[in-house]
Amino acid sequence: MILKLIGQSNSVRFASLTLGTLIFSACLSATLIAATPPQQKSAAQPAAEDKPAQKKADPKVADNQNAGKTNKEQAWKSLKDKWVVSQFGGDGPVVIKDKLITMGLGDPLTGIRWEAELPKENYEVELEARRREGFDFFCALTFPVGKKHVSFILGGWGGGVVGISSVDGFDASENETTSFRNFETDRWYKVRARVDAHQIQCWIDNKPAAEQIRQGHEFDIRYEMDQCVPLGVAAFQCKSEVRNIRIRKLTTTEIKAADKEAAKPTE
C-alpha cells in the first residue's frame, strides 16, 4: 500500500514537472517572438503585366491636329545638277557645286541658267545670295510668269535698286515695284519669288520687297537676260555667290486663297 502511494506520488510529481517545463518553453518562445523586430519587406517590383501600358497615338487624332496645316518643307524641291553657265560674252569664271555657285566678276554680266522642266504658274522659287565684290546687282533672279519671264533685281543701278524688270516696258528702276535699300557685302540674303494667277510677289529675308498685279499688265525681260531663261541668276560687274536654290508648287489651299483674295473688290 505504501509503495503504491509512493508510486502515485512520483507519477504526480513527474507529471507536474513535465507540465511546468512545457509551460516555461511556451512562454519563452512567445517572449522571443515578441522581442524580434519585424522584417521590412523590400519594395515589390511591379510585374511586367502590372506596368501601366503606354498609350498608342491615335492616327485619327493626329490627322485632326494636322488638318489645315501645310508642310511646305516636304513640298520644296532642291534644284541641282541641271545648271549651266550662261554665255553673255565677257563672263567671269563660274564654279558650280552642289551647295554653292560662285559667279566671278564679269564685263558686264556673269550668270547661270536651269536646263530642265519647271512650273510656269502657281509656284515659288527661293535662294540665298550675297555680293562678294562690286557695286551693282549681285542677284537678278529671272523666272517664268506664264509664257513670259521677269527678273527680280537686287542692288541694281549703282547698288541700291530693288524691283521687277520689266513691267509694261519699264525696268526695275522706273516702275511701281521700284524701291531702294542698302546691301552689305558678304552678307547672305534670302530671296523668294512667287507667281500665282493674279500677281507676282517677291521677298527679301521673308519681308515683302516687290508686288505686281498681273491683270492688265505686260511682262518681259531686258534682252541681255535672255541667257537666263527659263530660270537663272545673273550678276552685273560683281562677284557673287548663290546657294540653296529650290522650288515648289503652290498647294490647292494656297491657290484657292489667292483666288479669294483677288476676288475682293478693290477700293
Protein backbone atom coordinates (compact mmCIF):
# COMPACT_ATOMS: atom_id res chain seq x y z
CA MET A 1 0.00 0.00 0.00
CA ILE A 2 2.78 2.38 0.94
CA LEU A 3 4.70 1.53 -2.21
CA LYS A 4 1.62 2.18 -4.31
CA LEU A 5 1.18 5.60 -2.69
CA ILE A 6 4.83 6.40 -3.28
CA GLY A 7 4.47 5.38 -6.92
CA GLN A 8 1.44 7.56 -7.36
CA SER A 9 3.23 10.41 -5.68
CA ASN A 10 6.18 10.10 -8.06
CA SER A 11 3.86 10.00 -11.07
CA VAL A 12 2.10 13.16 -9.97
CA ARG A 13 5.43 14.84 -9.32
CA PHE A 14 6.75 13.79 -12.77
CA ALA A 15 3.61 14.98 -14.50
CA SER A 16 3.78 18.30 -12.67
CA LEU A 17 7.42 18.69 -13.64
CA THR A 18 6.68 17.89 -17.27
CA LEU A 19 3.76 20.29 -17.42
CA GLY A 20 5.85 23.04 -15.90
CA THR A 21 8.57 22.51 -18.44
CA LEU A 22 6.10 22.75 -21.29
CA ILE A 23 4.59 25.95 -19.90
CA PHE A 24 8.06 27.53 -19.47
CA SER A 25 9.05 26.64 -23.04
CA ALA A 26 5.88 28.12 -24.41
CA CYS A 27 6.37 31.37 -22.50
CA LEU A 28 10.00 31.61 -23.61
CA SER A 29 9.07 31.17 -27.26
CA ALA A 30 6.37 33.82 -27.01
CA THR A 31 8.83 36.22 -25.39
CA LEU A 32 11.44 35.69 -28.12
CA ILE A 33 8.88 36.16 -30.88
CA ALA A 34 7.58 39.35 -29.31
CA ALA A 35 11.13 40.72 -28.93
CA THR A 36 12.17 40.05 -32.53
CA PRO A 37 11.60 43.20 -34.75
CA PRO A 38 9.50 42.58 -37.83
CA GLN A 39 11.48 42.34 -41.06
CA GLN A 40 10.82 45.13 -43.55
CA LYS A 41 9.56 43.90 -46.85
CA SER A 42 11.54 45.10 -49.86
CA ALA A 43 9.61 47.19 -52.34
CA ALA A 44 7.98 44.81 -54.69
CA GLN A 45 8.89 45.36 -58.30
CA PRO A 46 5.82 45.53 -60.48
CA ALA A 47 5.44 42.61 -62.74
CA ALA A 48 5.60 43.24 -66.44
CA GLU A 49 1.89 42.79 -66.68
CA ASP A 50 1.35 45.26 -63.78
CA LYS A 51 3.16 48.15 -65.57
CA PRO A 52 0.84 50.78 -67.00
CA ALA A 53 0.52 50.27 -70.72
CA GLN A 54 1.75 53.13 -72.92
CA LYS A 55 -0.98 54.71 -74.95
CA LYS A 56 -0.54 54.42 -78.67
CA ALA A 57 -1.02 57.52 -80.78
CA ASP A 58 -4.41 57.59 -82.37
CA PRO A 59 -3.86 58.26 -86.10
CA LYS A 60 -7.28 59.89 -86.35
CA VAL A 61 -6.36 62.37 -83.60
CA ALA A 62 -3.03 63.12 -85.33
CA ASP A 63 -4.81 63.74 -88.62
CA ASN A 64 -7.21 66.14 -86.91
CA GLN A 65 -4.36 68.02 -85.27
CA ASN A 66 -2.59 68.43 -88.62
CA ALA A 67 -5.72 69.37 -90.53
CA GLY A 68 -5.27 72.62 -92.41
CA LYS A 69 -1.50 72.66 -91.95
CA THR A 70 0.78 72.77 -94.98
CA ASN A 71 4.13 71.01 -94.71
CA LYS A 72 5.99 73.32 -97.07
CA GLU A 73 9.38 71.79 -96.31
CA GLN A 74 8.28 68.48 -97.87
CA ALA A 75 6.99 70.32 -100.94
CA TRP A 76 10.27 72.11 -101.72
CA LYS A 77 12.48 70.57 -104.40
CA SER A 78 16.18 71.37 -104.46
CA LEU A 79 17.47 72.50 -107.87
CA LYS A 80 20.84 70.98 -108.67
CA ASP A 81 22.69 69.05 -111.38
CA LYS A 82 20.94 70.91 -114.23
CA TRP A 83 22.67 74.29 -114.01
CA VAL A 84 24.77 75.53 -116.93
CA VAL A 85 26.87 78.64 -117.40
CA SER A 86 25.20 81.44 -119.34
CA GLN A 87 27.09 82.86 -122.30
CA PHE A 88 26.70 86.64 -122.13
CA GLY A 89 30.11 87.45 -123.56
CA GLY A 90 32.65 88.89 -121.15
CA ASP A 91 31.56 86.43 -118.45
CA GLY A 92 33.61 85.98 -115.32
CA PRO A 93 34.59 82.50 -114.09
CA VAL A 94 31.75 80.33 -112.76
CA VAL A 95 32.12 77.45 -110.32
CA ILE A 96 29.05 75.25 -109.86
CA LYS A 97 28.97 72.94 -106.86
CA ASP A 98 26.12 71.12 -105.14
CA LYS A 99 25.77 73.62 -102.31
CA LEU A 100 27.40 76.77 -103.70
CA ILE A 101 27.60 78.55 -107.05
CA THR A 102 30.23 81.26 -107.45
CA MET A 103 29.98 83.82 -110.26
CA GLY A 104 33.11 85.85 -110.89
CA LEU A 105 33.31 89.49 -111.92
CA GLY A 106 32.01 89.86 -115.47
CA ASP A 107 32.23 92.55 -118.12
CA PRO A 108 29.47 93.25 -117.55
CA LEU A 109 27.40 90.08 -116.84
CA THR A 110 28.01 86.62 -115.41
CA GLY A 111 25.26 84.10 -114.79
CA ILE A 112 23.75 80.62 -114.77
CA ARG A 113 20.54 79.08 -116.05
CA TRP A 114 18.48 75.98 -115.36
CA GLU A 115 18.05 73.46 -118.18
CA ALA A 116 15.17 71.24 -117.10
CA GLU A 117 11.38 71.32 -116.75
CA LEU A 118 9.87 73.97 -114.47
CA PRO A 119 6.39 75.10 -113.45
CA LYS A 120 5.26 78.35 -115.09
CA GLU A 121 2.27 79.09 -112.88
CA ASN A 122 1.42 78.72 -109.18
CA TYR A 123 4.87 78.16 -107.73
CA GLU A 124 7.59 79.67 -105.54
CA VAL A 125 11.34 79.77 -106.14
CA GLU A 126 13.83 80.57 -103.40
CA LEU A 127 17.58 81.01 -102.98
CA GLU A 128 20.22 82.77 -100.91
CA ALA A 129 22.62 85.26 -102.48
CA ARG A 130 25.41 87.58 -101.44
CA ARG A 131 27.73 90.11 -103.05
CA ARG A 132 31.44 89.41 -102.58
CA GLU A 133 32.86 92.26 -104.68
CA GLY A 134 31.49 95.09 -106.80
CA PHE A 135 28.75 97.70 -106.53
CA ASP A 136 25.86 96.71 -108.81
CA PHE A 137 23.24 93.99 -108.79
CA PHE A 138 24.56 90.75 -107.35
CA CYS A 139 21.34 88.84 -107.95
CA ALA A 140 18.98 89.15 -110.90
CA LEU A 141 16.62 86.21 -110.47
CA THR A 142 14.87 85.50 -113.77
CA PHE A 143 11.78 83.26 -113.64
CA PRO A 144 8.68 82.41 -115.71
CA VAL A 145 5.34 84.19 -115.41
CA GLY A 146 3.09 82.09 -117.59
CA LYS A 147 4.54 82.28 -121.11
CA LYS A 148 6.64 85.35 -120.23
CA HIS A 149 9.55 85.98 -117.87
CA VAL A 150 10.64 88.69 -115.44
CA SER A 151 13.76 89.40 -113.39
CA PHE A 152 13.77 90.32 -109.71
CA ILE A 153 16.71 92.72 -109.27
CA LEU A 154 18.66 93.17 -106.04
CA GLY A 155 21.13 96.06 -105.90
CA GLY A 156 20.91 97.38 -109.45
CA TRP A 157 21.68 100.80 -110.94
CA GLY A 158 24.63 101.54 -108.69
CA GLY A 159 23.90 99.12 -105.89
CA GLY A 160 20.58 100.02 -104.24
CA VAL A 161 17.65 99.48 -106.61
CA VAL A 162 15.17 96.65 -105.93
CA GLY A 163 12.34 95.81 -108.29
CA ILE A 164 10.89 93.69 -111.09
CA SER A 165 12.07 94.07 -114.70
CA SER A 166 10.18 94.64 -116.81
CA VAL A 167 6.58 95.77 -116.28
CA ASP A 168 4.83 97.38 -119.26
CA GLY A 169 8.24 98.01 -120.79
CA PHE A 170 9.68 99.76 -117.73
CA ASP A 171 12.75 98.47 -115.88
CA ALA A 172 13.00 97.76 -112.17
CA SER A 173 14.36 101.27 -111.70
CA GLU A 174 11.28 103.01 -113.11
CA ASN A 175 8.06 101.11 -112.42
CA GLU A 176 5.70 100.69 -109.48
CA THR A 177 7.80 97.90 -107.94
CA THR A 178 10.87 100.14 -107.57
CA SER A 179 12.38 100.56 -104.10
CA PHE A 180 15.82 101.27 -102.65
CA ARG A 181 17.89 99.61 -99.94
CA ASN A 182 21.47 99.15 -98.86
CA PHE A 183 23.03 95.70 -99.35
CA GLU A 184 26.01 94.71 -97.26
CA THR A 185 28.98 92.96 -98.83
CA ASP A 186 29.48 89.32 -97.73
CA ARG A 187 26.05 89.12 -96.13
CA TRP A 188 23.64 86.39 -97.24
CA TYR A 189 20.13 87.46 -98.25
CA LYS A 190 17.20 85.09 -98.67
CA VAL A 191 15.38 85.79 -101.93
CA ARG A 192 11.95 84.37 -102.78
CA ALA A 193 9.59 84.92 -105.71
CA ARG A 194 6.02 83.66 -106.03
CA VAL A 195 3.77 83.51 -109.08
CA ASP A 196 0.06 82.79 -108.97
CA ALA A 197 -2.71 83.50 -111.46
CA HIS A 198 -3.23 87.03 -110.15
CA GLN A 199 0.08 88.51 -109.07
CA ILE A 200 3.86 88.33 -108.69
CA GLN A 201 5.29 88.66 -105.18
CA CYS A 202 8.92 88.90 -104.09
CA TRP A 203 10.53 88.84 -100.64
CA ILE A 204 13.96 89.59 -99.21
CA ASP A 205 14.66 87.91 -95.88
CA ASN A 206 10.96 86.99 -95.67
CA LYS A 207 9.88 90.63 -95.89
CA PRO A 208 7.83 91.92 -98.86
CA ALA A 209 10.09 93.63 -101.41
CA ALA A 210 8.03 93.83 -104.63
CA GLU A 211 4.48 93.05 -105.68
CA GLN A 212 2.81 93.36 -109.06
CA ILE A 213 -0.75 92.59 -110.18
CA ARG A 214 -0.78 90.61 -113.44
CA GLN A 215 -4.14 91.63 -114.91
CA GLY A 216 -3.83 94.50 -117.37
CA HIS A 217 -0.01 94.45 -117.49
CA GLU A 218 2.66 93.16 -119.85
CA PHE A 219 5.79 91.41 -118.64
CA ASP A 220 9.15 90.79 -120.23
CA ILE A 221 12.89 90.82 -119.52
CA ARG A 222 15.66 93.02 -120.84
CA TYR A 223 17.23 91.44 -123.91
CA GLU A 224 20.54 90.92 -122.07
CA MET A 225 18.83 88.45 -119.72
CA ASP A 226 17.80 86.00 -122.45
CA GLN A 227 20.69 83.81 -121.34
CA CYS A 228 18.92 83.22 -118.01
CA VAL A 229 15.66 81.86 -119.45
CA PRO A 230 13.68 79.93 -118.24
CA LEU A 231 15.20 80.24 -114.76
CA GLY A 232 18.51 81.81 -113.94
CA VAL A 233 20.62 84.11 -111.81
CA ALA A 234 22.98 86.81 -113.05
CA ALA A 235 25.28 89.45 -111.57
CA PHE A 236 26.37 92.76 -113.13
CA GLN A 237 30.03 93.69 -112.64
CA CYS A 238 30.00 91.84 -109.33
CA LYS A 239 31.46 88.73 -107.83
CA SER A 240 28.56 86.98 -106.14
CA GLU A 241 27.51 83.63 -104.71
CA VAL A 242 24.20 81.79 -104.56
CA ARG A 243 23.16 78.68 -102.68
CA ASN A 244 20.15 76.62 -101.58
CA ILE A 245 18.17 77.14 -104.78
CA ARG A 246 14.84 75.37 -104.59
CA ILE A 247 11.31 75.47 -105.99
CA ARG A 248 7.85 74.26 -105.02
CA LYS A 249 4.34 74.21 -106.43
CA LEU A 250 1.66 76.07 -104.52
CA THR A 251 -0.82 73.91 -102.66
CA THR A 252 -4.50 73.77 -103.57
CA THR A 253 -5.27 75.68 -100.38
CA GLU A 254 -2.85 78.47 -101.33
CA ILE A 255 -4.23 78.71 -104.86
CA LYS A 256 -7.80 78.99 -103.55
CA ALA A 257 -6.70 81.63 -101.04
CA ALA A 258 -5.09 83.65 -103.86
CA ASP A 259 -8.27 83.37 -105.93
CA LYS A 260 -10.35 84.51 -102.99
CA GLU A 261 -8.07 87.47 -102.31
CA ALA A 262 -8.15 88.52 -105.96
CA ALA A 263 -11.96 88.37 -105.96
CA LYS A 264 -12.25 91.02 -103.25
CA PRO A 265 -13.42 94.40 -104.52
CA THR A 266 -10.68 96.97 -104.82
CA GLU A 267 -11.09 100.32 -103.12
